[in-house]
Amino acid sequence: MKSTQAPNPRPITQPAVFRLTASSTLVERMRQISASIAGRAYELFEARGSEHGHDWEDWFRAESELLTPIPAKVVDLNGRFAVRAEVPGFTSKDIEVWAGPSRVIIYAKKHEITERQNEGTILQRKMSDESFCILDLPHEIEPDNITTTFKNGKVEITVPKVNMDRKITVGAKAA
């Protein structure tokens, strides 16, 4: 998978162009996120008395507790896809975008530490916000030709299609 990340934050009024860079941390972070969600889902399962039949419910509840969803929309523009996602509160420096043969992944994370001292009192606040979105596309794409821009809390990703005569059925197994 190819990764894009904005190297330098830019003023919010100017679009930031993401550059392609290789990132090996995505797979590891996805494993960590999945393990955290699985652990929380299992806690929910046990709290219900280990009653079977609610695994998806537990998984989705765990996801909603641990991750902030990224609202995204995929628009089919004939020979390409445009993905538009809202990431308010994040800067271009906080966002990474990966593209694979038929998938786009948006990952946003910010970590903020605030320290304040006054009259012998020290206040320290740590905040971490993480958002994640995986979009499976109905056609193969060219991950090497991805274009990503950021402006006013919105990311737009444009990627050309390949093999346009062959449509992918999402969730179908290859023969």
Protein backbone atom coordinates (compact mmCIF):
# COMPACT_ATOMS: atom_id res chain seq x y z
CA MET A 1 0.00 0.00 0.00
CA LYS A 2 1.13 3.53 -0.68
CA SER A 3 0.98 6.11 2.07
CA THR A 4 0.58 9.85 1.91
CA GLN A 5 1.24 12.25 4.71
CA ALA A 6 1.42 16.00 4.79
CA PRO A 7 5.04 16.87 5.63
CA ASN A 8 4.43 20.44 6.81
CA PRO A 9 1.28 21.99 8.24
CA ARG A 10 -0.03 24.86 6.14
CA PRO A 11 -2.48 27.63 6.91
CA ILE A 12 -6.04 26.36 7.04
CA THR A 13 -7.08 28.64 4.17
CA GLN A 14 -4.57 27.06 1.76
CA PRO A 15 -4.97 23.53 0.43
CA ALA A 16 -2.21 21.18 1.61
CA VAL A 17 -1.00 18.66 -0.93
CA PHE A 18 -0.07 15.31 0.59
CA ARG A 19 3.09 13.72 -0.75
CA LEU A 20 3.59 10.00 -1.24
CA THR A 21 5.85 8.48 1.39
CA ALA A 22 6.36 4.93 2.55
CA SER A 23 5.06 4.23 6.04
CA SER A 24 5.54 0.92 7.79
CA THR A 25 3.54 1.93 10.86
CA LEU A 26 0.06 1.48 9.35
CA VAL A 27 -0.04 -2.30 9.56
CA GLU A 28 1.23 -2.30 13.13
CA ARG A 29 -1.20 0.45 14.18
CA MET A 30 -4.10 -1.42 12.53
CA ARG A 31 -3.14 -4.53 14.51
CA GLN A 32 -3.07 -2.52 17.73
CA ILE A 33 -6.44 -0.93 17.00
CA SER A 34 -7.97 -4.30 16.11
CA ALA A 35 -6.57 -5.90 19.28
CA SER A 36 -7.94 -3.05 21.41
CA ILE A 37 -11.38 -3.33 19.82
CA ALA A 38 -11.36 -7.14 20.19
CA GLY A 39 -10.37 -6.84 23.86
CA ARG A 40 -13.14 -4.34 24.59
CA ALA A 41 -15.69 -6.41 22.63
CA TYR A 42 -14.75 -9.44 24.74
CA GLU A 43 -15.22 -7.39 27.93
CA LEU A 44 -18.72 -6.45 26.72
CA PHE A 45 -19.41 -10.13 25.93
CA GLU A 46 -18.35 -11.16 29.45
CA ALA A 47 -20.32 -8.32 31.08
CA ARG A 48 -23.47 -9.70 29.41
CA GLY A 49 -22.85 -13.08 31.00
CA SER A 50 -21.00 -14.55 27.99
CA GLU A 51 -24.24 -14.75 26.01
CA HIS A 52 -23.52 -15.68 22.40
CA GLY A 53 -25.15 -14.13 19.35
CA HIS A 54 -24.21 -10.48 19.92
CA ASP A 55 -20.66 -10.46 18.54
CA TRP A 56 -21.24 -7.76 15.91
CA GLU A 57 -23.10 -5.61 18.40
CA ASP A 58 -20.18 -5.91 20.85
CA TRP A 59 -17.63 -5.20 18.13
CA PHE A 60 -19.41 -2.08 16.86
CA ARG A 61 -19.94 -0.77 20.39
CA ALA A 62 -16.24 -1.30 21.16
CA GLU A 63 -15.30 0.52 17.93
CA SER A 64 -17.53 3.45 18.82
CA GLU A 65 -15.98 3.70 22.28
CA LEU A 66 -12.37 3.58 21.04
CA LEU A 67 -12.42 5.37 17.68
CA THR A 68 -14.00 8.51 16.33
CA PRO A 69 -15.51 7.70 12.91
CA ILE A 70 -14.54 9.74 9.86
CA PRO A 71 -17.57 10.67 7.77
CA ALA A 72 -16.58 9.99 4.16
CA LYS A 73 -18.25 9.91 0.79
CA VAL A 74 -17.00 8.20 -2.38
CA VAL A 75 -17.99 9.81 -5.68
CA ASP A 76 -17.56 7.91 -8.96
CA LEU A 77 -16.26 10.33 -11.58
CA ASN A 78 -16.08 8.03 -14.63
CA GLY A 79 -12.36 7.22 -14.81
CA ARG A 80 -11.56 8.07 -11.20
CA PHE A 81 -12.90 8.16 -7.66
CA ALA A 82 -13.08 11.20 -5.43
CA VAL A 83 -13.19 10.48 -1.70
CA ARG A 84 -14.32 13.37 0.48
CA ALA A 85 -13.88 13.06 4.22
CA GLU A 86 -14.46 15.39 7.14
CA VAL A 87 -11.73 15.55 9.80
CA PRO A 88 -12.56 18.60 11.93
CA GLY A 89 -10.03 19.43 14.62
CA PHE A 90 -7.17 17.79 12.75
CA THR A 91 -4.45 19.46 10.71
CA SER A 92 -2.82 18.15 7.57
CA LYS A 93 0.11 17.02 9.75
CA ASP A 94 -2.24 14.71 11.74
CA ILE A 95 -3.62 12.83 8.71
CA GLU A 96 -2.27 9.90 6.72
CA VAL A 97 -3.92 8.37 3.67
CA TRP A 98 -3.09 4.95 2.23
CA ALA A 99 -4.30 3.42 -1.01
CA GLY A 100 -4.23 -0.20 -2.13
CA PRO A 101 -5.54 -1.97 -5.23
CA SER A 102 -9.21 -1.38 -4.32
CA ARG A 103 -9.12 0.34 -0.93
CA VAL A 104 -8.48 3.77 0.59
CA ILE A 105 -7.65 4.15 4.28
CA ILE A 106 -7.75 7.45 6.15
CA TYR A 107 -6.08 7.64 9.56
CA ALA A 108 -6.00 10.75 11.72
CA LYS A 109 -4.35 11.09 15.11
CA LYS A 110 -3.44 14.01 17.27
CA HIS A 111 -1.87 14.04 20.65
CA GLU A 112 -2.04 17.18 22.74
CA ILE A 113 -0.38 17.93 26.05
CA THR A 114 -1.30 21.11 27.91
CA GLU A 115 0.64 22.25 30.95
CA ARG A 116 -0.18 25.24 33.09
CA GLN A 117 1.40 26.45 36.32
CA ASN A 118 0.04 29.04 38.69
CA GLU A 119 0.69 29.55 42.42
CA GLY A 120 2.17 26.13 43.10
CA THR A 121 -0.46 24.23 41.11
CA ILE A 122 0.53 22.34 38.02
CA LEU A 123 -2.19 21.34 35.61
CA GLN A 124 -1.35 18.82 32.95
CA ARG A 125 -3.90 17.57 30.48
CA LYS A 126 -3.19 14.87 27.93
CA MET A 127 -5.57 14.29 25.07
CA SER A 128 -5.34 11.81 22.25
CA ASP A 129 -7.88 11.66 19.49
CA GLU A 130 -7.79 9.00 16.82
CA SER A 131 -10.00 8.51 13.79
CA PHE A 132 -9.96 5.77 11.21
CA CYS A 133 -11.83 4.98 8.02
CA ILE A 134 -11.47 2.10 5.54
CA LEU A 135 -13.24 2.48 2.21
CA ASP A 136 -13.51 -0.53 -0.11
CA LEU A 137 -14.01 0.63 -3.67
CA PRO A 138 -16.00 -1.19 -6.41
CA HIS A 139 -13.16 -0.90 -8.96
CA GLU A 140 -9.42 -1.35 -8.89
CA ILE A 141 -7.45 1.88 -8.55
CA GLU A 142 -3.95 3.16 -9.27
CA PRO A 143 -2.53 3.77 -5.77
CA ASP A 144 0.65 5.30 -7.25
CA ASN A 145 -1.36 8.17 -8.76
CA ILE A 146 -3.27 9.29 -5.68
CA THR A 147 -3.79 13.01 -5.14
CA THR A 148 -4.78 14.25 -1.69
CA THR A 149 -5.61 17.77 -0.56
CA PHE A 150 -6.61 19.19 2.81
CA LYS A 151 -8.54 22.39 3.43
CA ASN A 152 -10.74 23.61 6.28
CA GLY A 153 -11.00 20.25 8.06
CA LYS A 154 -11.79 18.31 4.90
CA VAL A 155 -9.65 15.83 2.97
CA GLU A 156 -10.24 15.15 -0.71
CA ILE A 157 -8.57 12.13 -2.28
CA THR A 158 -8.64 11.57 -6.02
CA VAL A 159 -7.43 8.32 -7.52
CA PRO A 160 -7.76 6.95 -11.08
CA LYS A 161 -9.41 3.62 -11.81
CA VAL A 162 -7.76 0.73 -13.64
CA ASN A 163 -9.43 -2.26 -15.32
CA MET A 164 -12.63 -0.29 -15.69
CA ASP A 165 -14.35 -3.17 -17.46
CA ARG A 166 -13.93 -5.34 -14.35
CA LYS A 167 -16.09 -4.47 -11.37
CA ILE A 168 -15.24 -5.72 -7.87
CA THR A 169 -18.07 -7.09 -5.75
CA VAL A 170 -17.29 -5.91 -2.22
CA GLY A 171 -17.22 -8.83 0.17
CA ALA A 172 -17.10 -11.46 -2.57
CA LYS A 173 -14.48 -14.19 -2.48
CA ALA A 174 -12.13 -14.57 -5.39
CA ALA A 175 -12.55 -17.77 -7.40
